[in-house]
Amino acid sequence: MQITEIKIRKLLDSGRLRAVVSVTFDGVFAVHYIKVVQGDQRLFIAMPSRREPDGTYRDVVHPINPEFRQMTEQAVLQRYKNAVGEKSS
């Protein structure tokens, strides 16, 4: 499965949430509301989630294996860094 498009939906300048993106896979499957988050040590992505009645959050979609998560995270973070660079120019 390949990423065929990454759209930055929203860029934020403050707080831990830095961006909201949509990712299309193989030109036929889109995942919306993937978040770019500034963690204590690094940027990371958080998958779309919903709040459970007990107050916890559960991912609605997510990669099944670490390799696919890493590939997706690297591609999204690279697109985010490019968008931030374009905004600064």
Protein backbone atom coordinates (compact mmCIF):
# COMPACT_ATOMS: atom_id res chain seq x y z
CA MET A 1 0.00 0.00 0.00
CA GLN A 2 1.42 3.36 -1.03
CA ILE A 3 0.61 6.90 0.04
CA THR A 4 -0.62 8.75 -3.03
CA GLU A 5 -1.57 12.08 -1.45
CA ILE A 6 -1.13 14.01 1.77
CA LYS A 7 -3.21 17.14 2.28
CA ILE A 8 -2.53 19.55 5.11
CA ARG A 9 -6.00 20.61 6.28
CA LYS A 10 -4.96 22.96 9.08
CA LEU A 11 -1.64 24.36 10.38
CA LEU A 12 -1.44 25.65 13.94
CA ASP A 13 1.27 27.86 15.44
CA SER A 14 0.75 27.22 19.16
CA GLY A 15 -0.05 24.32 21.45
CA ARG A 16 0.88 20.69 21.03
CA LEU A 17 -1.42 20.10 18.04
CA ARG A 18 0.53 21.40 15.04
CA ALA A 19 -1.48 20.21 12.04
CA VAL A 20 -4.42 18.17 10.84
CA VAL A 21 -3.90 16.15 7.66
CA SER A 22 -5.68 13.76 5.31
CA VAL A 23 -3.81 10.87 3.72
CA THR A 24 -4.90 8.93 0.63
CA PHE A 25 -3.62 5.39 0.08
CA ASP A 26 -3.37 3.84 -3.40
CA GLY A 27 -5.65 6.58 -4.71
CA VAL A 28 -8.69 4.73 -3.33
CA PHE A 29 -8.76 5.03 0.48
CA ALA A 30 -8.58 8.26 2.50
CA VAL A 31 -8.00 8.75 6.22
CA HIS A 32 -8.98 12.17 7.54
CA TYR A 33 -8.07 13.92 10.77
CA ILE A 34 -4.62 12.49 11.33
CA LYS A 35 -2.99 14.88 13.81
CA VAL A 36 0.61 16.09 13.89
CA VAL A 37 1.47 16.50 17.57
CA GLN A 38 4.50 18.04 19.27
CA GLY A 39 5.53 15.57 21.96
CA ASP A 40 8.05 16.14 24.71
CA GLN A 41 10.89 14.77 22.58
CA ARG A 42 9.68 14.89 18.97
CA LEU A 43 6.86 15.36 16.51
CA PHE A 44 4.60 12.36 15.97
CA ILE A 45 1.29 11.54 14.33
CA ALA A 46 -1.90 10.52 16.12
CA MET A 47 -4.58 8.59 14.29
CA PRO A 48 -8.24 9.65 14.27
CA SER A 49 -9.89 8.61 17.53
CA ARG A 50 -13.16 8.79 19.39
CA ARG A 51 -13.87 9.29 23.05
CA GLU A 52 -15.29 6.30 24.90
CA PRO A 53 -17.92 6.68 27.65
CA ASP A 54 -15.22 6.14 30.31
CA GLY A 55 -13.25 9.14 29.01
CA THR A 56 -10.51 7.20 27.24
CA TYR A 57 -9.78 7.54 23.53
CA ARG A 58 -9.72 4.71 21.01
CA ASP A 59 -8.22 4.94 17.52
CA VAL A 60 -10.82 4.65 14.76
CA VAL A 61 -8.20 3.55 12.21
CA HIS A 62 -4.57 2.62 12.72
CA PRO A 63 -1.64 0.84 11.08
CA ILE A 64 -1.44 -2.85 11.97
CA ASN A 65 2.34 -3.14 11.98
CA PRO A 66 5.24 -0.89 13.04
CA GLU A 67 6.71 -0.69 9.52
CA PHE A 68 3.54 0.76 8.03
CA ARG A 69 3.16 3.19 10.95
CA GLN A 70 6.75 4.37 10.49
CA MET A 71 6.32 4.80 6.72
CA THR A 72 3.11 6.79 7.24
CA GLU A 73 4.59 8.92 10.03
CA GLN A 74 7.73 9.75 8.04
CA ALA A 75 5.72 10.79 4.97
CA VAL A 76 3.24 12.91 6.96
CA LEU A 77 5.96 14.63 9.00
CA GLN A 78 7.97 15.40 5.86
CA ARG A 79 4.89 16.95 4.22
CA TYR A 80 4.23 18.93 7.43
CA LYS A 81 7.80 20.25 7.53
CA ASN A 82 7.54 21.25 3.86
CA ALA A 83 4.25 23.07 4.55
CA VAL A 84 5.76 24.93 7.52
CA GLY A 85 8.71 25.93 5.35
CA GLU A 86 6.37 27.18 2.59
CA LYS A 87 4.38 29.17 5.15
CA SER A 88 7.57 30.79 6.49
CA SER A 89 8.69 31.88 3.02
